[in-house]
Amino acid sequence: MRVYKLKSAREISLLFNTSMLLGVIIWLVYGIVRDLPSLIIWNSIALALNGWLLFAKLKYGRVKNI
């Protein structure tokens, strides 16, 4: 919410967010392969939130020149 309100994502690490997104995708695939509903549900939510944060980082992460 803070990123959306301030339209700034400078303090968010692109490397961390990307690696977190990759980890969530791996866990989601594992949950799908093993047919584990709790892993599928929670990692789908985490994927959506991390995906939105990555989008916000790419959109608002640039430093504005004043």
N, C-alpha and C. Protein backbone atom coordinates (compact mmCIF):
# COMPACT_ATOMS: atom_id res chain seq x y z
N MET A 1 0.82 -1.19 0.00
CA MET A 1 0.00 0.00 0.00
C MET A 1 0.87 1.26 0.00
N ARG A 2 1.99 1.19 0.71
CA ARG A 2 2.87 2.35 0.80
C ARG A 2 3.44 2.72 -0.56
N VAL A 3 3.83 1.72 -1.33
CA VAL A 3 4.38 1.96 -2.67
C VAL A 3 3.33 2.63 -3.55
N TYR A 4 2.12 2.15 -3.47
CA TYR A 4 1.03 2.71 -4.28
C TYR A 4 0.71 4.15 -3.87
N LYS A 5 0.66 4.40 -2.57
CA LYS A 5 0.32 5.73 -2.09
C LYS A 5 1.40 6.75 -2.42
N LEU A 6 2.67 6.38 -2.19
CA LEU A 6 3.77 7.32 -2.41
C LEU A 6 4.27 7.34 -3.85
N LYS A 7 3.88 6.34 -4.65
CA LYS A 7 4.36 6.22 -6.03
C LYS A 7 5.89 6.19 -6.06
N SER A 8 6.47 5.48 -5.07
CA SER A 8 7.92 5.36 -4.98
C SER A 8 8.27 3.96 -4.50
N ALA A 9 9.20 3.31 -5.20
CA ALA A 9 9.64 1.97 -4.82
C ALA A 9 11.16 1.90 -4.82
N ARG A 10 11.82 3.01 -4.56
CA ARG A 10 13.28 3.05 -4.59
C ARG A 10 13.90 2.11 -3.57
N GLU A 11 13.29 2.00 -2.40
CA GLU A 11 13.88 1.23 -1.31
C GLU A 11 13.67 -0.28 -1.44
N ILE A 12 12.94 -0.73 -2.41
CA ILE A 12 12.69 -2.16 -2.61
C ILE A 12 13.77 -2.73 -3.53
N SER A 13 14.35 -3.84 -3.10
CA SER A 13 15.42 -4.49 -3.87
C SER A 13 14.83 -5.31 -5.01
N LEU A 14 15.26 -5.00 -6.22
CA LEU A 14 14.80 -5.74 -7.39
C LEU A 14 15.29 -7.19 -7.34
N LEU A 15 16.52 -7.41 -6.90
CA LEU A 15 17.07 -8.76 -6.80
C LEU A 15 16.28 -9.60 -5.79
N PHE A 16 16.00 -9.04 -4.62
CA PHE A 16 15.24 -9.77 -3.61
C PHE A 16 13.83 -10.08 -4.10
N ASN A 17 13.17 -9.10 -4.69
CA ASN A 17 11.80 -9.31 -5.14
C ASN A 17 11.74 -10.36 -6.24
N THR A 18 12.69 -10.33 -7.16
CA THR A 18 12.72 -11.32 -8.24
C THR A 18 12.99 -12.72 -7.69
N SER A 19 13.93 -12.84 -6.76
CA SER A 19 14.23 -14.16 -6.19
C SER A 19 13.06 -14.67 -5.35
N MET A 20 12.38 -13.78 -4.65
CA MET A 20 11.20 -14.17 -3.88
C MET A 20 10.10 -14.67 -4.81
N LEU A 21 9.90 -13.97 -5.92
CA LEU A 21 8.90 -14.37 -6.90
C LEU A 21 9.23 -15.74 -7.49
N LEU A 22 10.49 -15.98 -7.79
CA LEU A 22 10.91 -17.28 -8.31
C LEU A 22 10.66 -18.38 -7.28
N GLY A 23 10.97 -18.12 -6.02
CA GLY A 23 10.73 -19.10 -4.96
C GLY A 23 9.25 -19.43 -4.81
N VAL A 24 8.41 -18.43 -4.88
CA VAL A 24 6.96 -18.63 -4.78
C VAL A 24 6.46 -19.46 -5.96
N ILE A 25 6.98 -19.18 -7.14
CA ILE A 25 6.58 -19.95 -8.33
C ILE A 25 6.97 -21.42 -8.17
N ILE A 26 8.17 -21.67 -7.66
CA ILE A 26 8.62 -23.05 -7.45
C ILE A 26 7.72 -23.76 -6.44
N TRP A 27 7.39 -23.10 -5.32
CA TRP A 27 6.50 -23.70 -4.34
C TRP A 27 5.11 -23.93 -4.91
N LEU A 28 4.64 -23.01 -5.74
CA LEU A 28 3.32 -23.17 -6.37
C LEU A 28 3.31 -24.38 -7.29
N VAL A 29 4.33 -24.54 -8.08
CA VAL A 29 4.44 -25.71 -8.98
C VAL A 29 4.49 -26.99 -8.15
N TYR A 30 5.25 -26.98 -7.06
CA TYR A 30 5.32 -28.14 -6.18
C TYR A 30 3.94 -28.48 -5.62
N GLY A 31 3.21 -27.46 -5.19
CA GLY A 31 1.87 -27.68 -4.66
C GLY A 31 0.92 -28.24 -5.71
N ILE A 32 1.06 -27.78 -6.94
CA ILE A 32 0.21 -28.28 -8.02
C ILE A 32 0.55 -29.73 -8.35
N VAL A 33 1.85 -30.04 -8.43
CA VAL A 33 2.29 -31.40 -8.75
C VAL A 33 1.85 -32.38 -7.66
N ARG A 34 1.98 -31.97 -6.39
CA ARG A 34 1.63 -32.85 -5.27
C ARG A 34 0.15 -32.75 -4.88
N ASP A 35 -0.60 -31.88 -5.57
CA ASP A 35 -2.01 -31.67 -5.31
C ASP A 35 -2.27 -31.32 -3.83
N LEU A 36 -1.59 -30.25 -3.38
CA LEU A 36 -1.72 -29.78 -2.01
C LEU A 36 -2.44 -28.43 -2.01
N PRO A 37 -3.73 -28.44 -1.70
CA PRO A 37 -4.53 -27.21 -1.81
C PRO A 37 -4.01 -26.03 -0.99
N SER A 38 -3.51 -26.28 0.21
CA SER A 38 -3.04 -25.16 1.03
C SER A 38 -1.84 -24.47 0.38
N LEU A 39 -0.91 -25.25 -0.18
CA LEU A 39 0.24 -24.65 -0.88
C LEU A 39 -0.21 -23.90 -2.13
N ILE A 40 -1.16 -24.45 -2.82
CA ILE A 40 -1.65 -23.81 -4.05
C ILE A 40 -2.33 -22.48 -3.72
N ILE A 41 -3.18 -22.46 -2.71
CA ILE A 41 -3.92 -21.25 -2.36
C ILE A 41 -2.97 -20.15 -1.88
N TRP A 42 -2.15 -20.46 -0.88
CA TRP A 42 -1.30 -19.43 -0.28
C TRP A 42 -0.21 -18.95 -1.22
N ASN A 43 0.32 -19.84 -2.03
CA ASN A 43 1.35 -19.40 -2.97
C ASN A 43 0.74 -18.66 -4.16
N SER A 44 -0.50 -18.92 -4.49
CA SER A 44 -1.18 -18.12 -5.51
C SER A 44 -1.37 -16.69 -5.02
N ILE A 45 -1.75 -16.56 -3.75
CA ILE A 45 -1.88 -15.23 -3.16
C ILE A 45 -0.53 -14.53 -3.11
N ALA A 46 0.49 -15.24 -2.67
CA ALA A 46 1.84 -14.66 -2.60
C ALA A 46 2.34 -14.28 -3.99
N LEU A 47 2.02 -15.09 -4.99
CA LEU A 47 2.43 -14.79 -6.37
C LEU A 47 1.77 -13.49 -6.85
N ALA A 48 0.50 -13.33 -6.56
CA ALA A 48 -0.20 -12.11 -6.97
C ALA A 48 0.39 -10.88 -6.27
N LEU A 49 0.64 -10.97 -4.98
CA LEU A 49 1.19 -9.84 -4.23
C LEU A 49 2.62 -9.51 -4.66
N ASN A 50 3.45 -10.54 -4.81
CA ASN A 50 4.83 -10.30 -5.25
C ASN A 50 4.88 -9.81 -6.69
N GLY A 51 3.98 -10.32 -7.51
CA GLY A 51 3.91 -9.84 -8.89
C GLY A 51 3.54 -8.38 -8.96
N TRP A 52 2.57 -7.98 -8.10
CA TRP A 52 2.18 -6.58 -8.06
C TRP A 52 3.34 -5.71 -7.57
N LEU A 53 4.06 -6.20 -6.56
CA LEU A 53 5.19 -5.44 -6.04
C LEU A 53 6.31 -5.31 -7.07
N LEU A 54 6.55 -6.36 -7.84
CA LEU A 54 7.55 -6.28 -8.91
C LEU A 54 7.12 -5.29 -9.98
N PHE A 55 5.85 -5.31 -10.33
CA PHE A 55 5.32 -4.35 -11.29
C PHE A 55 5.50 -2.92 -10.77
N ALA A 56 5.17 -2.72 -9.49
CA ALA A 56 5.31 -1.39 -8.89
C ALA A 56 6.78 -0.97 -8.85
N LYS A 57 7.67 -1.90 -8.57
CA LYS A 57 9.10 -1.58 -8.55
C LYS A 57 9.56 -1.14 -9.93
N LEU A 58 9.13 -1.84 -10.95
CA LEU A 58 9.54 -1.49 -12.31
C LEU A 58 8.92 -0.17 -12.76
N LYS A 59 7.71 0.11 -12.29
CA LYS A 59 7.03 1.33 -12.69
C LYS A 59 7.47 2.55 -11.88
N TYR A 60 7.58 2.39 -10.56
CA TYR A 60 7.86 3.52 -9.68
C TYR A 60 9.27 3.51 -9.08
N GLY A 61 10.10 2.55 -9.45
CA GLY A 61 11.40 2.39 -8.81
C GLY A 61 12.45 3.38 -9.24
N ARG A 62 12.22 4.11 -10.30
CA ARG A 62 13.21 5.05 -10.78
C ARG A 62 13.29 6.27 -9.89
N VAL A 63 14.48 6.80 -9.75
CA VAL A 63 14.68 8.01 -8.97
C VAL A 63 14.26 9.20 -9.81
N LYS A 64 13.42 10.04 -9.25
CA LYS A 64 12.96 11.22 -9.98
C LYS A 64 13.98 12.34 -9.83
N ASN A 65 14.31 12.97 -10.92
CA ASN A 65 15.21 14.13 -10.87
C ASN A 65 14.40 15.36 -10.55
N ILE A 66 14.86 16.09 -9.56
CA ILE A 66 14.14 17.30 -9.16
C ILE A 66 14.81 18.52 -9.74
